Amino acid sequence: MDIYLEKVDPEANCFRFYNIRSEPDLFAERALVVQWGRIGRAGQVRIRGSGSIEEVGRIGAKILKLRLSHGYSEPGQDQGEGAPAASSGADSGPSA
């Protein structure tokens, strides 16, 4: 599990990221590590839980649901309908 989310709102000066990942643990099977902060900075890191893959997956799903409800999304997902128009092929010059 490795999920990277962003929340970008230039009007509110909000440029945040949230990373949820599963890593090997010395005492249990897996550990759920979350990292958050301002885009371009290191941010903060916290281990949110450890245990079996199923337990870590449940905790991760709960955190993901919470972050999505707070306006976070995967990068590029919220670009909307403007992205295809930029590469519409209007420049139909010869191919190299």
PDB file of N, CA and C in Angstrom:
ATOM      1  N   MET A   1       0.854  -1.180   0.000  1.00  0.00           N
ATOM      2  CA  MET A   1       0.000   0.000   0.000  1.00  0.00           C
ATOM      3  C   MET A   1       0.892   1.232   0.000  1.00  0.00           C
ATOM      4  N   ASP A   2       0.725   2.063  -0.995  1.00  0.00           N
ATOM      5  CA  ASP A   2       1.437   3.332  -1.066  1.00  0.00           C
ATOM      6  C   ASP A   2       0.518   4.323  -1.767  1.00  0.00           C
ATOM      7  N   ILE A   3      -0.095   5.201  -0.998  1.00  0.00           N
ATOM      8  CA  ILE A   3      -1.085   6.141  -1.528  1.00  0.00           C
ATOM      9  C   ILE A   3      -0.587   7.558  -1.285  1.00  0.00           C
ATOM     10  N   TYR A   4      -0.543   8.357  -2.351  1.00  0.00           N
ATOM     11  CA  TYR A   4      -0.107   9.747  -2.250  1.00  0.00           C
ATOM     12  C   TYR A   4      -1.280  10.643  -2.632  1.00  0.00           C
ATOM     13  N   LEU A   5      -1.636  11.568  -1.757  1.00  0.00           N
ATOM     14  CA  LEU A   5      -2.741  12.484  -1.985  1.00  0.00           C
ATOM     15  C   LEU A   5      -2.254  13.924  -1.874  1.00  0.00           C
ATOM     16  N   GLU A   6      -2.955  14.817  -2.568  1.00  0.00           N
ATOM     17  CA  GLU A   6      -2.656  16.241  -2.479  1.00  0.00           C
ATOM     18  C   GLU A   6      -3.940  17.031  -2.316  1.00  0.00           C
ATOM     19  N   LYS A   7      -3.803  18.190  -1.688  1.00  0.00           N
ATOM     20  CA  LYS A   7      -4.889  19.151  -1.572  1.00  0.00           C
ATOM     21  C   LYS A   7      -4.318  20.502  -1.965  1.00  0.00           C
ATOM     22  N   VAL A   8      -4.773  21.030  -3.103  1.00  0.00           N
ATOM     23  CA  VAL A   8      -4.235  22.283  -3.620  1.00  0.00           C
ATOM     24  C   VAL A   8      -5.382  23.267  -3.789  1.00  0.00           C
ATOM     25  N   ASP A   9      -5.277  24.395  -3.094  1.00  0.00           N
ATOM     26  CA  ASP A   9      -6.236  25.484  -3.206  1.00  0.00           C
ATOM     27  C   ASP A   9      -5.457  26.794  -3.147  1.00  0.00           C
ATOM     28  N   PRO A  10      -5.035  27.320  -4.328  1.00  0.00           N
ATOM     29  CA  PRO A  10      -4.199  28.526  -4.334  1.00  0.00           C
ATOM     30  C   PRO A  10      -4.857  29.730  -3.660  1.00  0.00           C
ATOM     31  N   GLU A  11      -6.176  29.858  -3.768  1.00  0.00           N
ATOM     32  CA  GLU A  11      -6.860  30.998  -3.152  1.00  0.00           C
ATOM     33  C   GLU A  11      -6.727  30.993  -1.638  1.00  0.00           C
ATOM     34  N   ALA A  12      -6.667  29.808  -1.049  1.00  0.00           N
ATOM     35  CA  ALA A  12      -6.524  29.686   0.404  1.00  0.00           C
ATOM     36  C   ALA A  12      -5.068  29.444   0.812  1.00  0.00           C
ATOM     37  N   ASN A  13      -4.135  29.522  -0.151  1.00  0.00           N
ATOM     38  CA  ASN A  13      -2.720  29.244   0.091  1.00  0.00           C
ATOM     39  C   ASN A  13      -2.544  27.870   0.728  1.00  0.00           C
ATOM     40  N   CYS A  14      -3.258  26.891   0.200  1.00  0.00           N
ATOM     41  CA  CYS A  14      -3.244  25.530   0.727  1.00  0.00           C
ATOM     42  C   CYS A  14      -2.583  24.609  -0.298  1.00  0.00           C
ATOM     43  N   PHE A  15      -1.382  24.129   0.020  1.00  0.00           N
ATOM     44  CA  PHE A  15      -0.636  23.223  -0.841  1.00  0.00           C
ATOM     45  C   PHE A  15      -0.137  22.080   0.042  1.00  0.00           C
ATOM     46  N   ARG A  16      -0.971  21.076   0.251  1.00  0.00           N
ATOM     47  CA  ARG A  16      -0.662  20.018   1.213  1.00  0.00           C
ATOM     48  C   ARG A  16      -0.573  18.661   0.533  1.00  0.00           C
ATOM     49  N   PHE A  17       0.190  17.760   1.159  1.00  0.00           N
ATOM     50  CA  PHE A  17       0.260  16.384   0.697  1.00  0.00           C
ATOM     51  C   PHE A  17       0.014  15.451   1.872  1.00  0.00           C
ATOM     52  N   TYR A  18      -0.362  14.229   1.552  1.00  0.00           N
ATOM     53  CA  TYR A  18      -0.590  13.192   2.556  1.00  0.00           C
ATOM     54  C   TYR A  18      -0.182  11.877   1.931  1.00  0.00           C
ATOM     55  N   ASN A  19       0.727  11.158   2.568  1.00  0.00           N
ATOM     56  CA  ASN A  19       1.223   9.900   2.037  1.00  0.00           C
ATOM     57  C   ASN A  19       0.931   8.790   3.041  1.00  0.00           C
ATOM     58  N   ILE A  20       0.292   7.727   2.579  1.00  0.00           N
ATOM     59  CA  ILE A  20      -0.025   6.570   3.417  1.00  0.00           C
ATOM     60  C   ILE A  20       0.712   5.382   2.817  1.00  0.00           C
ATOM     61  N   ARG A  21       1.574   4.745   3.610  1.00  0.00           N
ATOM     62  CA  ARG A  21       2.306   3.603   3.066  1.00  0.00           C
ATOM     63  C   ARG A  21       2.476   2.511   4.116  1.00  0.00           C
ATOM     64  N   SER A  22       2.622   1.305   3.624  1.00  0.00           N
ATOM     65  CA  SER A  22       2.839   0.138   4.465  1.00  0.00           C
ATOM     66  C   SER A  22       4.300  -0.277   4.324  1.00  0.00           C
ATOM     67  N   GLU A  23       4.964  -0.482   5.460  1.00  0.00           N
ATOM     68  CA  GLU A  23       6.379  -0.856   5.455  1.00  0.00           C
ATOM     69  C   GLU A  23       6.591  -2.064   6.357  1.00  0.00           C
ATOM     70  N   PRO A  24       7.665  -2.819   6.123  1.00  0.00           N
ATOM     71  CA  PRO A  24       7.977  -3.943   7.019  1.00  0.00           C
ATOM     72  C   PRO A  24       8.237  -3.436   8.435  1.00  0.00           C
ATOM     73  N   ASP A  25       7.876  -4.264   9.401  1.00  0.00           N
ATOM     74  CA  ASP A  25       8.031  -3.898  10.804  1.00  0.00           C
ATOM     75  C   ASP A  25       8.861  -4.967  11.514  1.00  0.00           C
ATOM     76  N   LEU A  26       9.649  -4.572  12.491  1.00  0.00           N
ATOM     77  CA  LEU A  26      10.469  -5.538  13.221  1.00  0.00           C
ATOM     78  C   LEU A  26       9.657  -6.378  14.207  1.00  0.00           C
ATOM     79  N   PHE A  27       8.564  -5.829  14.733  1.00  0.00           N
ATOM     80  CA  PHE A  27       7.812  -6.503  15.776  1.00  0.00           C
ATOM     81  C   PHE A  27       6.517  -7.129  15.283  1.00  0.00           C
ATOM     82  N   ALA A  28       6.003  -6.666  14.173  1.00  0.00           N
ATOM     83  CA  ALA A  28       4.783  -7.220  13.594  1.00  0.00           C
ATOM     84  C   ALA A  28       5.039  -7.432  12.106  1.00  0.00           C
ATOM     85  N   GLU A  29       4.033  -7.861  11.415  1.00  0.00           N
ATOM     86  CA  GLU A  29       4.200  -8.134   9.989  1.00  0.00           C
ATOM     87  C   GLU A  29       4.409  -6.848   9.180  1.00  0.00           C
ATOM     88  N   ARG A  30       3.555  -5.840   9.399  1.00  0.00           N
ATOM     89  CA  ARG A  30       3.626  -4.578   8.663  1.00  0.00           C
ATOM     90  C   ARG A  30       3.380  -3.414   9.616  1.00  0.00           C
ATOM     91  N   ALA A  31       3.815  -2.221   9.201  1.00  0.00           N
ATOM     92  CA  ALA A  31       3.536  -0.985   9.932  1.00  0.00           C
ATOM     93  C   ALA A  31       2.947   0.015   8.949  1.00  0.00           C
ATOM     94  N   LEU A  32       1.966   0.785   9.388  1.00  0.00           N
ATOM     95  CA  LEU A  32       1.351   1.814   8.561  1.00  0.00           C
ATOM     96  C   LEU A  32       2.011   3.142   8.901  1.00  0.00           C
ATOM     97  N   VAL A  33       2.664   3.740   7.914  1.00  0.00           N
ATOM     98  CA  VAL A  33       3.394   4.989   8.107  1.00  0.00           C
ATOM     99  C   VAL A  33       2.668   6.083   7.330  1.00  0.00           C
ATOM    100  N   VAL A  34       2.369   7.182   7.990  1.00  0.00           N
ATOM    101  CA  VAL A  34       1.741   8.322   7.322  1.00  0.00           C
ATOM    102  C   VAL A  34       2.696   9.512   7.388  1.00  0.00           C
ATOM    103  N   GLN A  35       2.703  10.270   6.307  1.00  0.00           N
ATOM    104  CA  GLN A  35       3.532  11.464   6.212  1.00  0.00           C
ATOM    105  C   GLN A  35       2.659  12.560   5.642  1.00  0.00           C
ATOM    106  N   TRP A  36       2.744  13.766   6.232  1.00  0.00           N
ATOM    107  CA  TRP A  36       1.913  14.863   5.751  1.00  0.00           C
ATOM    108  C   TRP A  36       2.656  16.177   5.927  1.00  0.00           C
ATOM    109  N   GLY A  37       2.228  17.172   5.149  1.00  0.00           N
ATOM    110  CA  GLY A  37       2.825  18.488   5.274  1.00  0.00           C
ATOM    111  C   GLY A  37       2.594  19.319   4.025  1.00  0.00           C
ATOM    112  N   ARG A  38       3.369  20.371   3.880  1.00  0.00           N
ATOM    113  CA  ARG A  38       3.281  21.266   2.734  1.00  0.00           C
ATOM    114  C   ARG A  38       4.060  20.664   1.567  1.00  0.00           C
ATOM    115  N   ILE A  39       3.503  20.755   0.373  1.00  0.00           N
ATOM    116  CA  ILE A  39       4.168  20.228  -0.810  1.00  0.00           C
ATOM    117  C   ILE A  39       5.515  20.927  -0.966  1.00  0.00           C
ATOM    118  N   GLY A  40       6.567  20.153  -1.198  1.00  0.00           N
ATOM    119  CA  GLY A  40       7.907  20.687  -1.340  1.00  0.00           C
ATOM    120  C   GLY A  40       8.720  20.649  -0.063  1.00  0.00           C
ATOM    121  N   ARG A  41       8.091  20.287   1.037  1.00  0.00           N
ATOM    122  CA  ARG A  41       8.772  20.181   2.335  1.00  0.00           C
ATOM    123  C   ARG A  41       8.798  18.719   2.768  1.00  0.00           C
ATOM    124  N   ALA A  42       9.606  18.421   3.775  1.00  0.00           N
ATOM    125  CA  ALA A  42       9.713  17.043   4.267  1.00  0.00           C
ATOM    126  C   ALA A  42       8.440  16.596   4.989  1.00  0.00           C
ATOM    127  N   GLY A  43       7.807  17.488   5.711  1.00  0.00           N
ATOM    128  CA  GLY A  43       6.592  17.148   6.438  1.00  0.00           C
ATOM    129  C   GLY A  43       6.869  16.374   7.712  1.00  0.00           C
ATOM    130  N   GLN A  44       5.811  15.850   8.278  1.00  0.00           N
ATOM    131  CA  GLN A  44       5.887  15.070   9.506  1.00  0.00           C
ATOM    132  C   GLN A  44       5.608  13.615   9.182  1.00  0.00           C
ATOM    133  N   VAL A  45       6.162  12.714   9.987  1.00  0.00           N
ATOM    134  CA  VAL A  45       5.981  11.279   9.789  1.00  0.00           C
ATOM    135  C   VAL A  45       5.522  10.656  11.097  1.00  0.00           C
ATOM    136  N   ARG A  46       4.558   9.764  11.015  1.00  0.00           N
ATOM    137  CA  ARG A  46       4.085   9.065  12.206  1.00  0.00           C
ATOM    138  C   ARG A  46       3.689   7.634  11.835  1.00  0.00           C
ATOM    139  N   ILE A  47       4.014   6.697  12.696  1.00  0.00           N
ATOM    140  CA  ILE A  47       3.553   5.317  12.521  1.00  0.00           C
ATOM    141  C   ILE A  47       2.184   5.231  13.170  1.00  0.00           C
ATOM    142  N   ARG A  48       1.164   4.919  12.366  1.00  0.00           N
ATOM    143  CA  ARG A  48      -0.216   4.939  12.856  1.00  0.00           C
ATOM    144  C   ARG A  48      -0.707   3.589  13.338  1.00  0.00           C
ATOM    145  N   GLY A  49       0.002   2.517  13.039  1.00  0.00           N
ATOM    146  CA  GLY A  49      -0.419   1.214  13.512  1.00  0.00           C
ATOM    147  C   GLY A  49       0.478   0.138  12.950  1.00  0.00           C
ATOM    148  N   SER A  50       0.415  -1.045  13.546  1.00  0.00           N
ATOM    149  CA  SER A  50       1.177  -2.172  13.044  1.00  0.00           C
ATOM    150  C   SER A  50       0.416  -3.444  13.326  1.00  0.00           C
ATOM    151  N   GLY A  51       0.748  -4.478  12.601  1.00  0.00           N
ATOM    152  CA  GLY A  51       0.079  -5.756  12.757  1.00  0.00           C
ATOM    153  C   GLY A  51       0.104  -6.520  11.460  1.00  0.00           C
ATOM    154  N   SER A  52      -0.918  -7.313  11.243  1.00  0.00           N
ATOM    155  CA  SER A  52      -0.993  -8.101  10.010  1.00  0.00           C
ATOM    156  C   SER A  52      -1.314  -7.186   8.827  1.00  0.00           C
ATOM    157  N   ILE A  53      -1.161  -7.733   7.649  1.00  0.00           N
ATOM    158  CA  ILE A  53      -1.453  -6.960   6.440  1.00  0.00           C
ATOM    159  C   ILE A  53      -2.913  -6.512   6.432  1.00  0.00           C
ATOM    160  N   GLU A  54      -3.813  -7.366   6.893  1.00  0.00           N
ATOM    161  CA  GLU A  54      -5.240  -7.029   6.929  1.00  0.00           C
ATOM    162  C   GLU A  54      -5.526  -5.888   7.900  1.00  0.00           C
ATOM    163  N   GLU A  55      -4.913  -5.939   9.085  1.00  0.00           N
ATOM    164  CA  GLU A  55      -5.122  -4.877  10.076  1.00  0.00           C
ATOM    165  C   GLU A  55      -4.608  -3.538   9.557  1.00  0.00           C
ATOM    166  N   VAL A  56      -3.422  -3.549   8.977  1.00  0.00           N
ATOM    167  CA  VAL A  56      -2.829  -2.322   8.440  1.00  0.00           C
ATOM    168  C   VAL A  56      -3.680  -1.800   7.285  1.00  0.00           C
ATOM    169  N   GLY A  57      -4.213  -2.702   6.465  1.00  0.00           N
ATOM    170  CA  GLY A  57      -5.093  -2.299   5.366  1.00  0.00           C
ATOM    171  C   GLY A  57      -6.362  -1.628   5.861  1.00  0.00           C
ATOM    172  N   ARG A  58      -6.948  -2.152   6.944  1.00  0.00           N
ATOM    173  CA  ARG A  58      -8.162  -1.545   7.523  1.00  0.00           C
ATOM    174  C   ARG A  58      -7.880  -0.148   8.053  1.00  0.00           C
ATOM    175  N   ILE A  59      -6.775   0.003   8.766  1.00  0.00           N
ATOM    176  CA  ILE A  59      -6.425   1.320   9.298  1.00  0.00           C
ATOM    177  C   ILE A  59      -6.158   2.296   8.144  1.00  0.00           C
ATOM    178  N   GLY A  60      -5.443   1.832   7.136  1.00  0.00           N
ATOM    179  CA  GLY A  60      -5.148   2.668   5.975  1.00  0.00           C
ATOM    180  C   GLY A  60      -6.399   3.098   5.235  1.00  0.00           C
ATOM    181  N   ALA A  61      -7.353   2.183   5.085  1.00  0.00           N
ATOM    182  CA  ALA A  61      -8.614   2.514   4.407  1.00  0.00           C
ATOM    183  C   ALA A  61      -9.395   3.561   5.185  1.00  0.00           C
ATOM    184  N   LYS A  62      -9.375   3.463   6.508  1.00  0.00           N
ATOM    185  CA  LYS A  62     -10.074   4.445   7.344  1.00  0.00           C
ATOM    186  C   LYS A  62      -9.450   5.832   7.202  1.00  0.00           C
ATOM    187  N   ILE A  63      -8.110   5.884   7.206  1.00  0.00           N
ATOM    188  CA  ILE A  63      -7.413   7.167   7.051  1.00  0.00           C
ATOM    189  C   ILE A  63      -7.658   7.733   5.659  1.00  0.00           C
ATOM    190  N   LEU A  64      -7.619   6.875   4.635  1.00  0.00           N
ATOM    191  CA  LEU A  64      -7.867   7.322   3.262  1.00  0.00           C
ATOM    192  C   LEU A  64      -9.254   7.926   3.127  1.00  0.00           C
ATOM    193  N   LYS A  65     -10.252   7.278   3.686  1.00  0.00           N
ATOM    194  CA  LYS A  65     -11.623   7.800   3.630  1.00  0.00           C
ATOM    195  C   LYS A  65     -11.716   9.173   4.296  1.00  0.00           C
ATOM    196  N   LEU A  66     -11.050   9.339   5.421  1.00  0.00           N
ATOM    197  CA  LEU A  66     -11.058  10.619   6.133  1.00  0.00           C
ATOM    198  C   LEU A  66     -10.385  11.712   5.302  1.00  0.00           C
ATOM    199  N   ARG A  67      -9.234  11.411   4.729  1.00  0.00           N
ATOM    200  CA  ARG A  67      -8.513  12.405   3.919  1.00  0.00           C
ATOM    201  C   ARG A  67      -9.317  12.797   2.682  1.00  0.00           C
ATOM    202  N   LEU A  68      -9.959  11.838   2.020  1.00  0.00           N
ATOM    203  CA  LEU A  68     -10.772  12.149   0.847  1.00  0.00           C
ATOM    204  C   LEU A  68     -11.957  13.035   1.228  1.00  0.00           C
ATOM    205  N   SER A  69     -12.511  12.821   2.413  1.00  0.00           N
ATOM    206  CA  SER A  69     -13.632  13.656   2.850  1.00  0.00           C
ATOM    207  C   SER A  69     -13.183  15.082   3.182  1.00  0.00           C
ATOM    208  N   HIS A  70     -11.876  15.267   3.417  1.00  0.00           N
ATOM    209  CA  HIS A  70     -11.335  16.601   3.709  1.00  0.00           C
ATOM    210  C   HIS A  70     -10.810  17.297   2.466  1.00  0.00           C
ATOM    211  N   GLY A  71     -11.077  16.755   1.283  1.00  0.00           N
ATOM    212  CA  GLY A  71     -10.725  17.439   0.045  1.00  0.00           C
ATOM    213  C   GLY A  71      -9.438  17.006  -0.608  1.00  0.00           C
ATOM    214  N   TYR A  72      -8.760  16.001  -0.090  1.00  0.00           N
ATOM    215  CA  TYR A  72      -7.553  15.496  -0.718  1.00  0.00           C
ATOM    216  C   TYR A  72      -7.934  14.622  -1.908  1.00  0.00           C
ATOM    217  N   SER A  73      -7.052  14.555  -2.910  1.00  0.00           N
ATOM    218  CA  SER A  73      -7.267  13.679  -4.063  1.00  0.00           C
ATOM    219  C   SER A  73      -5.915  13.274  -4.625  1.00  0.00           C
ATOM    220  N   GLU A  74      -5.919  12.274  -5.499  1.00  0.00           N
ATOM    221  CA  GLU A  74      -4.678  11.856  -6.133  1.00  0.00           C
ATOM    222  C   GLU A  74      -4.240  12.924  -7.122  1.00  0.00           C
ATOM    223  N   PRO A  75      -2.946  13.201  -7.240  1.00  0.00           N
ATOM    224  CA  PRO A  75      -2.476  14.228  -8.173  1.00  0.00           C
ATOM    225  C   PRO A  75      -2.913  13.917  -9.600  1.00  0.00           C
ATOM    226  N   GLY A  76      -3.370  14.950 -10.307  1.00  0.00           N
ATOM    227  CA  GLY A  76      -3.808  14.782 -11.685  1.00  0.00           C
ATOM    228  C   GLY A  76      -5.247  14.352 -11.821  1.00  0.00           C
ATOM    229  N   GLN A  77      -5.853  13.861 -10.764  1.00  0.00           N
ATOM    230  CA  GLN A  77      -7.229  13.375 -10.818  1.00  0.00           C
ATOM    231  C   GLN A  77      -8.225  14.524 -10.916  1.00  0.00           C
ATOM    232  N   ASP A  78      -7.912  15.660 -10.316  1.00  0.00           N
ATOM    233  CA  ASP A  78      -8.851  16.771 -10.263  1.00  0.00           C
ATOM    234  C   ASP A  78      -8.579  17.821 -11.343  1.00  0.00           C
ATOM    235  N   GLN A  79      -7.876  17.449 -12.425  1.00  0.00           N
ATOM    236  CA  GLN A  79      -7.589  18.410 -13.475  1.00  0.00           C
ATOM    237  C   GLN A  79      -8.804  18.693 -14.330  1.00  0.00           C
ATOM    238  N   GLY A  80      -9.783  17.847 -14.286  1.00  0.00           N
ATOM    239  CA  GLY A  80     -11.042  18.096 -14.982  1.00  0.00           C
ATOM    240  C   GLY A  80     -10.944  17.920 -16.480  1.00  0.00           C
ATOM    241  N   GLU A  81     -11.810  18.641 -17.193  1.00  0.00           N
ATOM    242  CA  GLU A  81     -11.911  18.461 -18.624  1.00  0.00           C
ATOM    243  C   GLU A  81     -10.903  19.301 -19.389  1.00  0.00           C
ATOM    244  N   GLY A  82     -10.139  20.158 -18.748  1.00  0.00           N
ATOM    245  CA  GLY A  82      -9.190  21.022 -19.430  1.00  0.00           C
ATOM    246  C   GLY A  82      -7.946  20.285 -19.907  1.00  0.00           C
ATOM    247  N   ALA A  83      -7.597  19.168 -19.280  1.00  0.00           N
ATOM    248  CA  ALA A  83      -6.372  18.471 -19.640  1.00  0.00           C
ATOM    249  C   ALA A  83      -6.386  17.933 -21.067  1.00  0.00           C
ATOM    250  N   PRO A  84      -7.444  17.269 -21.543  1.00  0.00           N
ATOM    251  CA  PRO A  84      -7.416  16.766 -22.914  1.00  0.00           C
ATOM    252  C   PRO A  84      -7.363  17.892 -23.946  1.00  0.00           C
ATOM    253  N   ALA A  85      -7.934  19.045 -23.673  1.00  0.00           N
ATOM    254  CA  ALA A  85      -7.935  20.153 -24.624  1.00  0.00           C
ATOM    255  C   ALA A  85      -6.522  20.666 -24.863  1.00  0.00           C
ATOM    256  N   ALA A  86      -5.648  20.571 -23.873  1.00  0.00           N
ATOM    257  CA  ALA A  86      -4.274  21.057 -24.026  1.00  0.00           C
ATOM    258  C   ALA A  86      -3.498  20.211 -25.014  1.00  0.00           C
ATOM    259  N   SER A  87      -3.819  18.932 -25.128  1.00  0.00           N
ATOM    260  CA  SER A  87      -3.111  18.062 -26.060  1.00  0.00           C
ATOM    261  C   SER A  87      -4.041  17.623 -27.190  1.00  0.00           C
ATOM    262  N   SER A  88      -4.803  18.554 -27.724  1.00  0.00           N
ATOM    263  CA  SER A  88      -5.800  18.220 -28.745  1.00  0.00           C
ATOM    264  C   SER A  88      -5.194  18.019 -30.115  1.00  0.00           C
ATOM    265  N   GLY A  89      -3.898  18.284 -30.281  1.00  0.00           N
ATOM    266  CA  GLY A  89      -3.270  18.095 -31.562  1.00  0.00           C
ATOM    267  C   GLY A  89      -3.462  19.274 -32.499  1.00  0.00           C
ATOM    268  N   ALA A  90      -3.707  20.463 -31.971  1.00  0.00           N
ATOM    269  CA  ALA A  90      -3.894  21.646 -32.773  1.00  0.00           C
ATOM    270  C   ALA A  90      -2.639  21.961 -33.593  1.00  0.00           C
ATOM    271  N   ASP A  91      -1.476  21.621 -33.043  1.00  0.00           N
ATOM    272  CA  ASP A  91      -0.231  21.809 -33.764  1.00  0.00           C
ATOM    273  C   ASP A  91       0.013  20.559 -34.603  1.00  0.00           C
ATOM    274  N   SER A  92      -0.460  20.581 -35.833  1.00  0.00           N
ATOM    275  CA  SER A  92      -0.378  19.391 -36.670  1.00  0.00           C
ATOM    276  C   SER A  92       0.794  19.480 -37.641  1.00  0.00           C
ATOM    277  N   GLY A  93       1.941  19.873 -37.106  1.00  0.00           N
ATOM    278  CA  GLY A  93       3.145  19.971 -37.909  1.00  0.00           C
ATOM    279  C   GLY A  93       3.661  18.593 -38.277  1.00  0.00           C
ATOM    280  N   PRO A  94       4.674  18.532 -39.143  1.00  0.00           N
ATOM    281  CA  PRO A  94       5.205  17.238 -39.555  1.00  0.00           C
ATOM    282  C   PRO A  94       5.850  16.511 -38.402  1.00  0.00           C
ATOM    283  N   SER A  95       5.743  15.191 -38.422  1.00  0.00           N
ATOM    284  CA  SER A  95       6.339  14.365 -37.381  1.00  0.00           C
ATOM    285  C   SER A  95       7.808  14.183 -37.664  1.00  0.00           C
ATOM    286  N   ALA A  96       8.601  14.037 -36.594  1.00  0.00           N
ATOM    287  CA  ALA A  96      10.044  13.867 -36.773  1.00  0.00           C
ATOM    288  C   ALA A  96      10.423  12.437 -37.007  1.00  0.00           C
TER     289      ALA A  96
END
